[in-house]
Amino acid sequence: MKEEVLEKIKKEFEEEKAFQIAYNAQARMANKEIAGRKGVTNRRLYIDRRTKKDILVRLLRKHRDEIKLEDTNGIYVYMGTYREKNNFYEDGPEDIRVSYDDESAVYSVYKNIEHDREVLVSVDGRDYFESKVKIVTGNYEMLQKEFISMAVKNGQDYATKRIVKSYRRSSSCED
């Protein structure tokens, strides 16, 4: 993503974190006061328990329209390889997930870590696609949280290198 977008996310995160701290302090005081009253059944105030990473992912998704695919760091999470159903009676409405190197495989699915956009790549074009981007494996949501958290704290270059180094897809990708 462009640095301007990352700076917006950082600024909004600081504002939201400060609001969360102030709100939670006020809610805790009000809840103590409510608990101290006998015979009164007021409802307790909600304590905001969102983590830093949860807030950052929400802000990343909020600014998704400002992030162009060509401006991302080119990290794609491998989501699986699929074959088409052979007939109407096979289970489920979707194609069937198979191993990466299955002979009946038709396409693989990848998802951009910054943009939430899925890309379907035919098995024939997979080597070319994988040579042009950085492919990682793991839980998409967890990787996205880790990436945006590191990018805000240490910059995009650092986050990209760490994610790719830690989660790079092995050559014998297993499903």
C-alpha atoms as a PDB file:
ATOM      1  CA  MET A   1       0.000   0.000   0.000  1.00  0.00           C
ATOM      2  CA  LYS A   2       1.137   3.528  -0.459  1.00  0.00           C
ATOM      3  CA  GLU A   3       2.716   5.171   2.581  1.00  0.00           C
ATOM      4  CA  GLU A   4      -0.079   7.779   2.718  1.00  0.00           C
ATOM      5  CA  VAL A   5      -2.637   5.041   3.354  1.00  0.00           C
ATOM      6  CA  LEU A   6      -0.463   3.449   6.029  1.00  0.00           C
ATOM      7  CA  GLU A   7      -0.058   6.859   7.697  1.00  0.00           C
ATOM      8  CA  LYS A   8      -3.856   7.313   7.735  1.00  0.00           C
ATOM      9  CA  ILE A   9      -4.237   3.901   9.347  1.00  0.00           C
ATOM     10  CA  LYS A  10      -1.588   4.774  11.966  1.00  0.00           C
ATOM     11  CA  LYS A  11      -3.279   8.080  12.778  1.00  0.00           C
ATOM     12  CA  GLU A  12      -6.753   6.569  13.023  1.00  0.00           C
ATOM     13  CA  PHE A  13      -5.395   3.714  15.133  1.00  0.00           C
ATOM     14  CA  GLU A  14      -3.858   6.127  17.663  1.00  0.00           C
ATOM     15  CA  GLU A  15      -7.134   8.056  17.868  1.00  0.00           C
ATOM     16  CA  GLU A  16      -9.202   4.903  18.281  1.00  0.00           C
ATOM     17  CA  LYS A  17      -6.830   3.418  20.855  1.00  0.00           C
ATOM     18  CA  ALA A  18      -6.939   6.630  22.923  1.00  0.00           C
ATOM     19  CA  PHE A  19     -10.736   6.646  22.730  1.00  0.00           C
ATOM     20  CA  GLN A  20     -10.859   2.970  23.735  1.00  0.00           C
ATOM     21  CA  ILE A  21      -8.664   3.596  26.803  1.00  0.00           C
ATOM     22  CA  ALA A  22     -10.741   6.594  27.920  1.00  0.00           C
ATOM     23  CA  TYR A  23     -14.041   4.809  27.290  1.00  0.00           C
ATOM     24  CA  ASN A  24     -12.951   1.670  29.171  1.00  0.00           C
ATOM     25  CA  ALA A  25     -11.787   3.701  32.162  1.00  0.00           C
ATOM     26  CA  GLN A  26     -15.139   5.480  32.302  1.00  0.00           C
ATOM     27  CA  ALA A  27     -17.058   2.195  31.849  1.00  0.00           C
ATOM     28  CA  ARG A  28     -15.116   0.516  34.662  1.00  0.00           C
ATOM     29  CA  MET A  29     -15.869   3.404  37.022  1.00  0.00           C
ATOM     30  CA  ALA A  30     -19.565   3.332  36.104  1.00  0.00           C
ATOM     31  CA  ASN A  31     -19.692  -0.460  36.533  1.00  0.00           C
ATOM     32  CA  LYS A  32     -18.155  -0.173  40.024  1.00  0.00           C
ATOM     33  CA  GLU A  33     -20.737   2.447  40.893  1.00  0.00           C
ATOM     34  CA  ILE A  34     -23.570   0.262  39.578  1.00  0.00           C
ATOM     35  CA  ALA A  35     -22.243  -2.772  41.482  1.00  0.00           C
ATOM     36  CA  GLY A  36     -22.136  -0.719  44.712  1.00  0.00           C
ATOM     37  CA  ARG A  37     -25.838   0.165  44.580  1.00  0.00           C
ATOM     38  CA  LYS A  38     -28.008  -2.347  46.329  1.00  0.00           C
ATOM     39  CA  GLY A  39     -31.364  -3.218  44.851  1.00  0.00           C
ATOM     40  CA  VAL A  40     -30.684  -1.427  41.576  1.00  0.00           C
ATOM     41  CA  THR A  41     -30.514  -3.584  38.447  1.00  0.00           C
ATOM     42  CA  ASN A  42     -28.895  -1.211  36.000  1.00  0.00           C
ATOM     43  CA  ARG A  43     -27.090  -2.813  33.128  1.00  0.00           C
ATOM     44  CA  ARG A  44     -23.342  -2.795  33.214  1.00  0.00           C
ATOM     45  CA  LEU A  45     -21.478  -0.932  30.490  1.00  0.00           C
ATOM     46  CA  TYR A  46     -19.677  -2.887  27.809  1.00  0.00           C
ATOM     47  CA  ILE A  47     -15.877  -3.016  28.087  1.00  0.00           C
ATOM     48  CA  ASP A  48     -14.192  -2.727  24.686  1.00  0.00           C
ATOM     49  CA  ARG A  49     -11.877  -5.735  24.489  1.00  0.00           C
ATOM     50  CA  ARG A  50     -10.756  -5.404  20.880  1.00  0.00           C
ATOM     51  CA  THR A  51      -7.060  -6.051  20.474  1.00  0.00           C
ATOM     52  CA  LYS A  52      -4.617  -3.820  18.667  1.00  0.00           C
ATOM     53  CA  LYS A  53      -4.549  -6.256  15.753  1.00  0.00           C
ATOM     54  CA  ASP A  54      -8.365  -6.383  15.526  1.00  0.00           C
ATOM     55  CA  ILE A  55      -8.549  -2.607  15.316  1.00  0.00           C
ATOM     56  CA  LEU A  56      -5.781  -2.455  12.705  1.00  0.00           C
ATOM     57  CA  VAL A  57      -7.443  -5.037  10.461  1.00  0.00           C
ATOM     58  CA  ARG A  58     -10.730  -3.132  10.660  1.00  0.00           C
ATOM     59  CA  LEU A  59      -8.909   0.063   9.647  1.00  0.00           C
ATOM     60  CA  LEU A  60      -7.079  -1.757   6.830  1.00  0.00           C
ATOM     61  CA  ARG A  61     -10.420  -2.979   5.488  1.00  0.00           C
ATOM     62  CA  LYS A  62     -11.886   0.512   5.881  1.00  0.00           C
ATOM     63  CA  HIS A  63      -9.179   1.870   3.563  1.00  0.00           C
ATOM     64  CA  ARG A  64      -9.288  -1.074   1.124  1.00  0.00           C
ATOM     65  CA  ASP A  65     -10.711   1.087  -1.692  1.00  0.00           C
ATOM     66  CA  GLU A  66      -7.680   3.371  -1.442  1.00  0.00           C
ATOM     67  CA  ILE A  67      -5.280   0.442  -1.886  1.00  0.00           C
ATOM     68  CA  LYS A  68      -4.683  -0.548  -5.496  1.00  0.00           C
ATOM     69  CA  LEU A  69      -3.433  -4.083  -6.165  1.00  0.00           C
ATOM     70  CA  GLU A  70      -0.391  -2.733  -7.981  1.00  0.00           C
ATOM     71  CA  ASP A  71       0.525  -0.719  -4.852  1.00  0.00           C
ATOM     72  CA  THR A  72       0.516  -3.700  -2.503  1.00  0.00           C
ATOM     73  CA  ASN A  73       3.638  -5.535  -1.374  1.00  0.00           C
ATOM     74  CA  GLY A  74       2.692  -8.506  -3.550  1.00  0.00           C
ATOM     75  CA  ILE A  75       2.101 -10.992  -0.737  1.00  0.00           C
ATOM     76  CA  TYR A  76      -0.494 -13.625  -1.565  1.00  0.00           C
ATOM     77  CA  VAL A  77      -1.743 -16.289   0.821  1.00  0.00           C
ATOM     78  CA  TYR A  78      -2.226 -19.689  -0.788  1.00  0.00           C
ATOM     79  CA  MET A  79      -5.846 -20.653  -0.099  1.00  0.00           C
ATOM     80  CA  GLY A  80      -6.014 -24.034  -1.833  1.00  0.00           C
ATOM     81  CA  THR A  81      -6.122 -25.969  -5.086  1.00  0.00           C
ATOM     82  CA  TYR A  82      -9.355 -27.249  -6.603  1.00  0.00           C
ATOM     83  CA  ARG A  83     -10.756 -29.549  -9.244  1.00  0.00           C
ATOM     84  CA  GLU A  84     -14.146 -29.293 -10.851  1.00  0.00           C
ATOM     85  CA  LYS A  85     -16.889 -31.671  -9.778  1.00  0.00           C
ATOM     86  CA  ASN A  86     -17.164 -34.708 -12.041  1.00  0.00           C
ATOM     87  CA  ASN A  87     -20.923 -34.919 -11.852  1.00  0.00           C
ATOM     88  CA  PHE A  88     -24.004 -33.432 -10.291  1.00  0.00           C
ATOM     89  CA  TYR A  89     -24.078 -35.965  -7.462  1.00  0.00           C
ATOM     90  CA  GLU A  90     -20.726 -35.114  -5.889  1.00  0.00           C
ATOM     91  CA  ASP A  91     -21.062 -33.438  -2.485  1.00  0.00           C
ATOM     92  CA  GLY A  92     -21.509 -29.690  -2.195  1.00  0.00           C
ATOM     93  CA  PRO A  93     -22.155 -26.847  -4.601  1.00  0.00           C
ATOM     94  CA  GLU A  94     -18.494 -25.859  -4.978  1.00  0.00           C
ATOM     95  CA  ASP A  95     -15.529 -27.408  -6.685  1.00  0.00           C
ATOM     96  CA  ILE A  96     -13.574 -29.945  -4.660  1.00  0.00           C
ATOM     97  CA  ARG A  97     -10.355 -29.097  -2.845  1.00  0.00           C
ATOM     98  CA  VAL A  98      -7.390 -31.286  -3.749  1.00  0.00           C
ATOM     99  CA  SER A  99      -3.675 -31.305  -2.973  1.00  0.00           C
ATOM    100  CA  TYR A 100      -1.420 -28.785  -4.689  1.00  0.00           C
ATOM    101  CA  ASP A 101       0.090 -31.333  -7.065  1.00  0.00           C
ATOM    102  CA  ASP A 102      -3.054 -33.398  -7.756  1.00  0.00           C
ATOM    103  CA  GLU A 103      -3.296 -34.375 -11.434  1.00  0.00           C
ATOM    104  CA  SER A 104      -6.992 -33.499 -11.569  1.00  0.00           C
ATOM    105  CA  ALA A 105      -6.391 -29.967 -10.239  1.00  0.00           C
ATOM    106  CA  VAL A 106      -7.757 -27.162 -12.406  1.00  0.00           C
ATOM    107  CA  TYR A 107      -6.944 -24.000 -10.477  1.00  0.00           C
ATOM    108  CA  SER A 108      -5.442 -22.599  -7.280  1.00  0.00           C
ATOM    109  CA  VAL A 109      -6.772 -19.729  -5.189  1.00  0.00           C
ATOM    110  CA  TYR A 110      -4.620 -16.994  -3.643  1.00  0.00           C
ATOM    111  CA  LYS A 111      -5.646 -13.985  -1.583  1.00  0.00           C
ATOM    112  CA  ASN A 112      -3.797 -10.670  -1.371  1.00  0.00           C
ATOM    113  CA  ILE A 113      -2.823  -9.988   2.250  1.00  0.00           C
ATOM    114  CA  GLU A 114      -3.505  -6.254   2.032  1.00  0.00           C
ATOM    115  CA  HIS A 115      -6.519  -6.148  -0.236  1.00  0.00           C
ATOM    116  CA  ASP A 116      -8.747  -9.152   0.656  1.00  0.00           C
ATOM    117  CA  ARG A 117      -8.935  -9.942  -3.048  1.00  0.00           C
ATOM    118  CA  GLU A 118      -8.941 -13.539  -4.256  1.00  0.00           C
ATOM    119  CA  VAL A 119      -7.171 -14.546  -7.447  1.00  0.00           C
ATOM    120  CA  LEU A 120      -7.968 -17.788  -9.257  1.00  0.00           C
ATOM    121  CA  VAL A 121      -5.002 -19.064 -11.239  1.00  0.00           C
ATOM    122  CA  SER A 122      -5.170 -22.010 -13.611  1.00  0.00           C
ATOM    123  CA  VAL A 123      -2.719 -24.814 -12.917  1.00  0.00           C
ATOM    124  CA  ASP A 124      -1.028 -23.999 -16.234  1.00  0.00           C
ATOM    125  CA  GLY A 125      -0.377 -20.385 -15.180  1.00  0.00           C
ATOM    126  CA  ARG A 126       0.472 -21.093 -11.560  1.00  0.00           C
ATOM    127  CA  ASP A 127       4.275 -21.209 -11.937  1.00  0.00           C
ATOM    128  CA  TYR A 128       4.278 -17.863 -13.749  1.00  0.00           C
ATOM    129  CA  PHE A 129       2.008 -16.225 -11.151  1.00  0.00           C
ATOM    130  CA  GLU A 130       4.049 -17.580  -8.240  1.00  0.00           C
ATOM    131  CA  SER A 131       7.280 -16.309  -9.816  1.00  0.00           C
ATOM    132  CA  LYS A 132       5.886 -12.751  -9.946  1.00  0.00           C
ATOM    133  CA  VAL A 133       4.558 -12.474  -6.363  1.00  0.00           C
ATOM    134  CA  LYS A 134       5.417 -13.647  -2.843  1.00  0.00           C
ATOM    135  CA  ILE A 135       3.423 -16.729  -1.810  1.00  0.00           C
ATOM    136  CA  VAL A 136       2.871 -17.588   1.854  1.00  0.00           C
ATOM    137  CA  THR A 137       0.749 -20.200   3.592  1.00  0.00           C
ATOM    138  CA  GLY A 138      -1.187 -20.064   6.815  1.00  0.00           C
ATOM    139  CA  ASN A 139      -4.398 -18.727   8.261  1.00  0.00           C
ATOM    140  CA  TYR A 140      -5.334 -15.693   6.166  1.00  0.00           C
ATOM    141  CA  GLU A 141      -6.865 -13.631   8.965  1.00  0.00           C
ATOM    142  CA  MET A 142      -3.940 -14.313  11.303  1.00  0.00           C
ATOM    143  CA  LEU A 143      -1.392 -13.399   8.613  1.00  0.00           C
ATOM    144  CA  GLN A 144      -3.276 -10.220   7.749  1.00  0.00           C
ATOM    145  CA  LYS A 145      -3.352  -9.178  11.415  1.00  0.00           C
ATOM    146  CA  GLU A 146       0.333  -9.903  11.810  1.00  0.00           C
ATOM    147  CA  PHE A 147       1.252  -8.027   8.623  1.00  0.00           C
ATOM    148  CA  ILE A 148      -0.680  -4.824   9.394  1.00  0.00           C
ATOM    149  CA  SER A 149       0.500  -4.816  12.998  1.00  0.00           C
ATOM    150  CA  MET A 150       4.146  -5.084  11.940  1.00  0.00           C
ATOM    151  CA  ALA A 151       3.678  -2.563   9.128  1.00  0.00           C
ATOM    152  CA  VAL A 152       2.280   0.044  11.530  1.00  0.00           C
ATOM    153  CA  LYS A 153       4.981  -0.588  14.109  1.00  0.00           C
ATOM    154  CA  ASN A 154       8.072  -1.158  11.936  1.00  0.00           C
ATOM    155  CA  GLY A 155       7.163  -0.236   8.346  1.00  0.00           C
ATOM    156  CA  GLN A 156       6.022  -2.178   5.312  1.00  0.00           C
ATOM    157  CA  ASP A 157       9.472  -3.356   4.229  1.00  0.00           C
ATOM    158  CA  TYR A 158      10.090  -4.973   7.596  1.00  0.00           C
ATOM    159  CA  ALA A 159       6.603  -6.529   7.693  1.00  0.00           C
ATOM    160  CA  THR A 160       6.934  -7.912   4.177  1.00  0.00           C
ATOM    161  CA  LYS A 161      10.313  -9.498   4.872  1.00  0.00           C
ATOM    162  CA  ARG A 162       9.174 -11.042   8.166  1.00  0.00           C
ATOM    163  CA  ILE A 163       5.931 -12.469   6.801  1.00  0.00           C
ATOM    164  CA  VAL A 164       7.601 -13.913   3.710  1.00  0.00           C
ATOM    165  CA  LYS A 165      10.504 -15.337   5.700  1.00  0.00           C
ATOM    166  CA  SER A 166       8.265 -16.883   8.355  1.00  0.00           C
ATOM    167  CA  TYR A 167       5.441 -18.187   6.175  1.00  0.00           C
ATOM    168  CA  ARG A 168       6.909 -18.759   2.698  1.00  0.00           C
ATOM    169  CA  ARG A 169       5.195 -21.612   0.916  1.00  0.00           C
ATOM    170  CA  SER A 170       7.426 -24.648   0.627  1.00  0.00           C
ATOM    171  CA  SER A 171       7.970 -26.127  -2.831  1.00  0.00           C
ATOM    172  CA  SER A 172       5.926 -29.184  -1.835  1.00  0.00           C
ATOM    173  CA  CYS A 173       2.871 -27.259  -0.676  1.00  0.00           C
ATOM    174  CA  GLU A 174       0.621 -29.547   1.328  1.00  0.00           C
ATOM    175  CA  ASP A 175      -3.075 -28.945   1.889  1.00  0.00           C
END
